[in-house]
Each structure stands twice: as C-alpha cells, then as structure tokens.
Protein backbone atom coordinates (compact mmCIF):
# COMPACT_ATOMS: atom_id res chain seq x y z
CA MET A 1 -11.42 4.25 -37.53
CA PRO A 2 -8.96 2.14 -35.53
CA ARG A 3 -10.49 0.31 -32.56
CA THR A 4 -8.13 2.02 -30.05
CA VAL A 5 -9.33 5.48 -31.05
CA SER A 6 -12.96 4.38 -30.97
CA ARG A 7 -12.55 2.83 -27.54
CA ARG A 8 -10.88 6.00 -26.21
CA ALA A 9 -13.80 8.07 -27.43
CA LEU A 10 -16.30 5.71 -25.81
CA VAL A 11 -14.41 5.75 -22.50
CA GLY A 12 -14.51 9.53 -22.62
CA ALA A 13 -18.26 9.46 -23.21
CA ALA A 14 -18.74 7.14 -20.24
CA LEU A 15 -16.71 9.40 -17.94
CA THR A 16 -18.69 12.43 -19.16
CA THR A 17 -21.89 10.63 -18.21
CA LEU A 18 -20.45 9.85 -14.78
CA THR A 19 -19.51 13.48 -14.23
CA ALA A 20 -22.93 14.73 -15.30
CA ALA A 21 -24.67 12.29 -12.96
CA ALA A 22 -22.90 13.69 -9.91
CA VAL A 23 -22.80 17.35 -10.95
CA ALA A 24 -26.54 17.46 -11.61
CA PRO A 25 -28.09 14.70 -9.49
CA GLY A 26 -31.45 16.41 -9.69
CA ALA A 27 -31.55 15.46 -13.36
CA THR A 28 -31.08 11.80 -12.51
CA ALA A 29 -32.58 11.16 -9.13
CA ALA A 30 -34.84 13.93 -7.86
CA GLY A 31 -38.32 13.00 -6.71
CA ARG A 32 -40.18 9.85 -7.65
CA ARG A 33 -39.42 8.90 -11.25
CA ARG A 34 -41.90 7.11 -13.48
CA PRO A 35 -41.91 3.34 -12.85
CA TYR A 36 -39.73 1.14 -14.98
CA GLN A 37 -41.68 0.38 -18.16
CA ASP A 38 -39.77 -2.36 -19.95
CA PRO A 39 -38.29 -5.47 -18.35
CA PRO A 40 -34.52 -5.92 -18.49
CA ILE A 41 -33.28 -7.87 -21.46
CA ARG A 42 -32.81 -11.04 -19.43
CA HIS A 43 -34.40 -11.83 -16.07
CA VAL A 44 -33.25 -15.14 -14.60
CA SER A 45 -36.38 -16.84 -13.31
CA LEU A 46 -35.75 -18.75 -10.07
CA GLN A 47 -38.01 -20.12 -7.36
CA GLY A 48 -35.81 -19.08 -4.43
CA ALA A 49 -34.75 -15.59 -5.57
CA VAL A 50 -36.80 -12.94 -7.37
CA ASN A 51 -34.38 -10.21 -8.43
CA VAL A 52 -31.75 -12.03 -10.50
CA ARG A 53 -30.86 -10.34 -13.79
CA ASP A 54 -28.29 -10.30 -16.54
CA VAL A 55 -26.67 -6.85 -16.58
CA GLY A 56 -26.17 -7.17 -20.34
CA GLY A 57 -28.31 -6.16 -23.26
CA TYR A 58 -28.48 -2.38 -22.89
CA ARG A 59 -27.46 -0.04 -25.71
CA VAL A 60 -24.40 2.12 -25.03
CA LEU A 61 -23.51 5.62 -26.13
CA GLY A 62 -21.61 5.57 -29.40
CA GLY A 63 -23.09 2.26 -30.53
CA GLY A 64 -23.03 -1.33 -29.40
CA ARG A 65 -24.58 -3.15 -26.46
CA VAL A 66 -23.48 -4.51 -23.12
CA ARG A 67 -22.65 -8.17 -23.62
CA GLN A 68 -24.95 -10.72 -22.05
CA GLY A 69 -23.88 -13.71 -20.02
CA LEU A 70 -20.88 -12.12 -18.28
CA VAL A 71 -22.23 -10.15 -15.30
CA TYR A 72 -25.31 -10.90 -13.21
CA ARG A 73 -26.92 -9.04 -10.29
CA ALA A 74 -29.01 -10.86 -7.69
CA ASP A 75 -30.74 -10.92 -4.35
CA ALA A 76 -29.95 -13.48 -1.62
CA LEU A 77 -29.21 -16.97 -2.88
CA SER A 78 -29.79 -18.84 0.37
CA LYS A 79 -33.24 -20.23 -0.53
CA LEU A 80 -32.46 -21.65 -3.96
CA THR A 81 -34.12 -24.92 -4.93
CA ASP A 82 -32.47 -27.85 -6.70
CA ALA A 83 -34.06 -26.63 -9.93
CA ASP A 84 -32.58 -23.17 -9.30
CA LEU A 85 -29.12 -24.68 -8.91
CA THR A 86 -29.53 -26.34 -12.29
CA THR A 87 -30.44 -22.98 -13.79
CA LEU A 88 -27.44 -21.28 -12.19
CA SER A 89 -25.17 -24.05 -13.42
CA GLY A 90 -26.13 -23.06 -16.94
CA LEU A 91 -24.94 -19.47 -16.48
CA GLY A 92 -21.25 -20.36 -16.46
CA LEU A 93 -20.56 -18.58 -13.17
CA ARG A 94 -16.97 -18.49 -11.95
CA ARG A 95 -17.35 -16.05 -9.04
CA VAL A 96 -20.23 -15.11 -6.74
CA VAL A 97 -19.72 -12.04 -4.54
CA ASP A 98 -21.86 -11.72 -1.40
CA TYR A 99 -22.20 -8.14 -0.09
CA ARG A 100 -24.22 -9.17 2.98
CA VAL A 101 -22.97 -8.43 6.49
CA PRO A 102 -22.82 -11.27 9.05
CA VAL A 103 -26.19 -10.51 10.69
CA GLU A 104 -27.92 -10.91 7.32
CA ILE A 105 -26.29 -14.28 6.72
CA GLN A 106 -27.15 -15.31 10.28
CA TYR A 107 -30.86 -14.66 9.67
CA ASP A 108 -31.17 -15.76 6.04
CA GLY A 109 -28.47 -18.39 5.69
CA ALA A 110 -25.41 -18.81 3.50
CA ASP A 111 -25.62 -18.88 -0.28
CA ARG A 112 -26.70 -22.15 -1.83
CA LEU A 113 -24.69 -22.54 -5.02
CA PRO A 114 -23.92 -25.14 -7.67
CA ALA A 115 -21.10 -27.58 -6.91
CA GLY A 116 -17.68 -26.03 -7.32
CA LEU A 117 -18.77 -22.48 -6.45
CA THR A 118 -18.05 -20.84 -3.10
CA PRO A 119 -19.34 -17.34 -2.36
CA GLU A 120 -16.73 -14.65 -1.80
CA SER A 121 -17.70 -12.53 1.18
CA ARG A 122 -17.28 -8.78 0.59
CA PRO A 123 -19.53 -7.30 3.28
CA VAL A 124 -20.70 -3.77 2.52
CA SER A 125 -22.23 -1.95 5.47
CA ASP A 126 -25.97 -1.38 5.30
CA ASN A 127 -25.64 1.16 8.14
CA GLY A 128 -27.63 -1.17 10.38
CA LEU A 129 -30.62 -1.33 8.04
CA TYR A 130 -31.24 -5.06 8.33
CA ALA A 131 -30.85 -5.08 12.11
CA GLN A 132 -33.16 -2.05 12.39
CA MET A 133 -35.84 -3.77 10.34
CA MET A 134 -35.60 -7.01 12.30
CA ALA A 135 -35.69 -5.16 15.62
CA ALA A 136 -38.86 -3.35 14.59
CA ILE A 137 -40.58 -6.52 13.43
CA SER A 138 -39.55 -8.66 16.40
CA SER A 139 -40.80 -6.09 18.91
CA LYS A 140 -44.38 -6.96 17.87
CA ASP A 141 -45.28 -3.58 19.34
CA PRO A 142 -47.28 -1.32 16.99
CA ALA A 143 -46.32 1.78 18.95
CA ARG A 144 -42.63 0.87 18.87
CA GLN A 145 -42.82 0.04 15.17
CA GLU A 146 -44.46 3.38 14.44
CA GLU A 147 -41.81 5.14 16.51
CA MET A 148 -38.99 3.43 14.61
CA LEU A 149 -40.38 3.49 11.07
CA GLY A 150 -43.32 5.87 10.84
CA GLY A 151 -43.51 9.55 10.03
CA GLY A 152 -40.98 9.31 7.21
CA ARG A 153 -38.33 7.81 9.46
CA ALA A 154 -37.94 4.62 7.38
CA ALA A 155 -37.26 6.63 4.22
CA ALA A 156 -34.90 8.93 6.11
CA PHE A 157 -33.01 5.89 7.35
CA MET A 158 -32.66 4.64 3.78
CA ARG A 159 -31.28 8.03 2.75
CA SER A 160 -28.64 7.60 5.45
CA VAL A 161 -27.55 4.20 4.09
CA TYR A 162 -26.52 5.27 0.59
CA PRO A 163 -23.93 7.93 1.45
CA ARG A 164 -21.93 5.23 3.24
CA PHE A 165 -21.45 3.49 -0.10
CA VAL A 166 -19.33 6.50 -1.05
CA SER A 167 -17.79 7.69 2.21
CA ASP A 168 -16.77 4.41 3.88
CA ALA A 169 -13.31 3.22 2.81
CA ASP A 170 -14.06 -0.49 3.33
CA ASN A 171 -17.23 -0.21 1.27
CA ARG A 172 -15.35 1.52 -1.52
CA ALA A 173 -12.68 -1.19 -1.54
CA ARG A 174 -15.30 -3.92 -1.90
CA PHE A 175 -17.21 -2.19 -4.67
CA ALA A 176 -13.90 -1.55 -6.47
CA ALA A 177 -12.90 -5.21 -6.22
CA THR A 178 -16.18 -6.26 -7.82
CA LEU A 179 -15.82 -3.76 -10.68
CA ARG A 180 -12.28 -5.02 -11.29
CA ASP A 181 -13.66 -8.56 -11.44
CA ALA A 182 -16.07 -7.36 -14.10
CA ALA A 183 -13.24 -5.67 -16.01
CA TYR A 184 -10.62 -8.39 -15.95
CA GLY A 185 -12.70 -11.52 -15.67
CA THR A 186 -12.94 -14.15 -12.98
CA GLY A 187 -10.60 -16.72 -14.45
CA GLY A 188 -11.11 -18.10 -17.90
CA ARG A 189 -14.35 -17.10 -19.59
CA GLY A 190 -16.61 -17.45 -16.56
CA ALA A 191 -19.29 -15.01 -15.48
CA LEU A 192 -19.55 -12.88 -12.34
CA MET A 193 -22.57 -12.59 -10.05
CA TYR A 194 -22.83 -10.15 -7.14
CA HIS A 195 -25.67 -9.83 -4.66
CA CYS A 196 -26.90 -8.52 -1.33
CA THR A 197 -30.11 -9.45 0.54
CA SER A 198 -32.73 -7.83 -1.67
CA GLY A 199 -30.52 -7.16 -4.69
CA LYS A 200 -31.57 -3.52 -4.75
CA ASP A 201 -29.32 -1.18 -2.72
CA ARG A 202 -25.68 -2.33 -2.59
CA THR A 203 -26.27 -4.41 -5.71
CA GLY A 204 -28.20 -1.55 -7.29
CA TRP A 205 -25.41 0.96 -6.65
CA THR A 206 -22.79 -1.38 -8.11
CA THR A 207 -24.86 -1.86 -11.25
CA TYR A 208 -25.67 1.83 -11.63
CA VAL A 209 -21.96 2.75 -11.55
CA LEU A 210 -21.01 -0.18 -13.80
CA LEU A 211 -23.58 0.70 -16.46
CA LEU A 212 -22.45 4.33 -16.55
CA LEU A 213 -18.83 3.21 -16.89
CA LEU A 214 -19.88 1.07 -19.83
CA GLY A 215 -21.46 4.09 -21.50
CA VAL A 216 -25.11 3.16 -20.94
CA PRO A 217 -27.28 6.31 -20.94
CA GLU A 218 -27.87 7.61 -17.45
CA ARG A 219 -31.65 7.34 -17.76
CA THR A 220 -31.31 3.66 -18.62
CA ALA A 221 -29.02 3.07 -15.63
CA VAL A 222 -31.59 4.67 -13.31
CA ASP A 223 -34.40 2.64 -14.85
CA ASP A 224 -32.41 -0.54 -14.25
CA TYR A 225 -31.99 0.54 -10.62
CA LEU A 226 -35.74 1.18 -10.25
CA ALA A 227 -36.61 -2.16 -11.86
CA SER A 228 -36.04 -3.87 -8.51
CA ASN A 229 -39.41 -2.48 -7.41
CA ALA A 230 -41.18 -4.38 -10.18
CA PHE A 231 -39.35 -7.64 -9.60
CA ARG A 232 -39.70 -7.55 -5.83
CA ALA A 233 -43.27 -6.20 -5.59
CA ALA A 234 -45.19 -9.46 -5.29
CA TYR A 235 -42.67 -11.07 -2.93
CA ASP A 236 -42.46 -8.01 -0.67
CA ALA A 237 -46.26 -7.70 -0.54
CA LYS A 238 -46.45 -11.36 0.48
CA VAL A 239 -43.95 -10.69 3.29
CA ARG A 240 -46.04 -7.77 4.55
CA ASP A 241 -49.22 -9.82 4.40
CA GLY A 242 -47.56 -12.64 6.33
CA LEU A 243 -46.39 -10.26 9.05
CA LYS A 244 -49.90 -8.90 9.45
CA GLN A 245 -51.57 -12.31 9.45
CA SER A 246 -49.11 -13.61 12.04
CA GLY A 247 -49.68 -10.64 14.33
CA MET A 248 -46.07 -9.46 14.07
CA MET A 249 -47.08 -6.08 12.63
CA LEU A 250 -50.34 -4.18 12.78
CA ASN A 251 -49.23 -1.90 9.94
CA PRO A 252 -46.66 -3.72 7.81
CA ASP A 253 -46.83 -0.94 5.22
CA LEU A 254 -44.32 0.82 7.47
CA LEU A 255 -41.77 -1.45 5.78
CA ILE A 256 -42.46 -0.24 2.25
CA PRO A 257 -39.77 2.49 2.26
CA LEU A 258 -37.24 -0.15 3.37
CA GLN A 259 -38.37 -2.64 0.74
CA GLU A 260 -38.35 -0.22 -2.17
CA VAL A 261 -35.70 1.58 -4.13
CA ARG A 262 -36.36 5.26 -4.71
CA THR A 263 -34.53 7.87 -6.68
CA GLU A 264 -34.13 9.94 -3.52
CA TYR A 265 -31.96 7.14 -2.11
CA LEU A 266 -29.77 7.08 -5.21
CA SER A 267 -29.58 10.87 -5.06
CA ALA A 268 -28.19 10.64 -1.52
CA ALA A 269 -25.22 8.62 -2.80
CA LEU A 270 -24.70 10.97 -5.74
CA ASP A 271 -24.78 13.96 -3.40
CA GLN A 272 -22.12 12.30 -1.25
CA ALA A 273 -19.96 11.64 -4.31
CA ARG A 274 -20.22 15.29 -5.28
CA ALA A 275 -19.44 16.44 -1.72
CA ASP A 276 -16.43 14.13 -1.30
CA TYR A 277 -14.98 14.07 -4.81
CA GLY A 278 -16.67 16.76 -6.88
CA SER A 279 -18.20 14.28 -9.33
CA LEU A 280 -19.09 10.63 -9.74
CA GLY A 281 -16.18 10.33 -12.17
CA ARG A 282 -13.73 11.36 -9.45
CA TYR A 283 -15.44 9.01 -7.01
CA VAL A 284 -14.63 6.22 -9.48
CA SER A 285 -11.04 7.31 -10.16
CA GLN A 286 -10.05 8.53 -6.68
CA GLY A 287 -12.48 6.83 -4.29
CA LEU A 288 -12.57 3.45 -6.02
CA GLY A 289 -9.09 3.75 -7.50
CA LEU A 290 -10.21 2.67 -10.98
CA ASP A 291 -7.94 4.21 -13.60
CA LEU A 292 -8.66 4.78 -17.28
CA GLY A 293 -7.06 1.44 -18.10
CA THR A 294 -9.62 -0.37 -15.94
CA VAL A 295 -12.48 1.58 -17.50
CA ALA A 296 -11.12 0.66 -20.94
CA ALA A 297 -10.86 -2.98 -19.85
CA LEU A 298 -14.48 -2.93 -18.70
CA ARG A 299 -15.60 -1.65 -22.07
CA HIS A 300 -13.35 -3.99 -24.03
CA ARG A 301 -14.66 -7.04 -22.17
CA LEU A 302 -18.31 -6.10 -21.73
CA VAL A 303 -19.33 -4.03 -24.75
CA ASP A 304 -19.92 -5.48 -28.21
C-alpha cells in the first residue's frame, strides 16, 4: 500500500481517538484509575529535575512506534547540576519551551540549560495555582491552610485549572505553537523539550493531546499522564516532610491534591473541550488551529 494512503488512514485513526476521548470522557478519565504500572520507555535521570521523559517509544494504532529522541517533557529546569547539563547536552535539544508564568520563575528561578540554548517563554495560565499554594504555605497558619486547601477545596481548585487549557485563547495559542514545533521540527534535526513547574499539568495536557494525535491508544496516553505521580512521589513527599519539620505546615498532606495528577483533572479539560467544540478533535482543529496537514506532519516526523 502506498505510504500516502497508509498515512491518511493512520491520521483518521488518530482523529477518531481524539473524538472518542471527548465524546465519552468517562471512559478515559472518570474516577481514580489504577496507578501506572510500567515506566515510560525512556526516563531521563537528572539530579535537579525528577519528571523528565522521552515522549517516544509508545506503540501507535495501525502499527509502528513514536520515535524516540525528538520530543521530551519535563518539570522545572532551574535546579539542574553541571552533570545534568552534560546529560541534556547529549539529547540534541534545539528548543526548550517554558510554560511557567512569571511568578513561578520568580520563586524557582530561570531554566539552567546547556550553552547555546535559551528557553522560549510561552506562559500558560495555571489559574493562580502556584500563587495559591505559596500563599497557603507562607501563612504558616494551620487554620488558614485548612480553610484554603481542606475539605476537598484543593482538588476542586485543580479541577478549575484544567478547563482554562481549553477555553483561554492565549493558552490555546501557546499549546498550538508547541505542537507545531513537534510537527515541523525546531531547525535541523534537533529535539524539542517543553516543561512547566512540576511537569504534570500543562506539560501533561500537551503530551496527552500529542500522543492521541500520533495515534497512541487513549489508555496509554492517560497512563503516561498518570505516570507523573510515580516519578514525583518521593520528591513531593520530601517537600511535605520539610514543610512539617520546619513548622510551615501542621498538615502538609493538604498539598497532595495539588501535587498529584488525577483523572478527574484531565476529565475537566475533556469536558470543556466537549462543551466548547463538541469533541477533542474539534478542539484541536478549531481551538488550536491544527489542520490535517499538521497532524500528518506530526505523524510523518514522529512515527516510525
């Protein structure tokens, strides 16, 4: 069968998966799913960041795999060590996209990258999540912290963050720019890396949509999203323990809903896509402005 016909069929399969994800979000993101069982194909082990992964390696519908070494997802890169920079230098990165808003960079610092790389700022609103978390912690007031985060309020706040990924025009433009980078390359044969603070929400949404566009089964795309919990667990527990030991928080477990990814959060974005566009496929084509040619380019470049 000629490659053009095969690619058209695979693009159609990817768009069908996108439509199904938004039409029946309960099938993809209702309740608490089982934890991620198998590690991603390639986790990039660094000392100063814990959630850095190659997006490649997954099987796609119709045969083939997502190519490795071309697209990476990450958490904040501001605490990288010299050894980490050597590791990143070996990835062949040509573009690093930073989704963090200014307050996050103010607290955590700018990206530390190998020589010759400058992060491209594409701030995606977190709906005030980072500022809310810092305000709760810095109050040092257990009653105030309980009032802000307890009683399911932290999880409810997270559910309010994800719909903005879909409904906010600036956010859509920045996600679309990153997906176009993945489709058309970043100059030469270099790789793309995109990240936010924890590498789980804005980065997780980007990767979920990208994997579906590439024809990765929806269950696999959700498992990749949930994998952030496994990679961040030890680090996040250490943060909570430090806050308790320092007296900043009496009950740091209030932060767990903010530190985790949950399928209910992903479902909130899918529900918004269905409400605004009718399906995730239309969110991609109308909201992000990615036409069939761009989807085909993604598959041509990123699928073996």
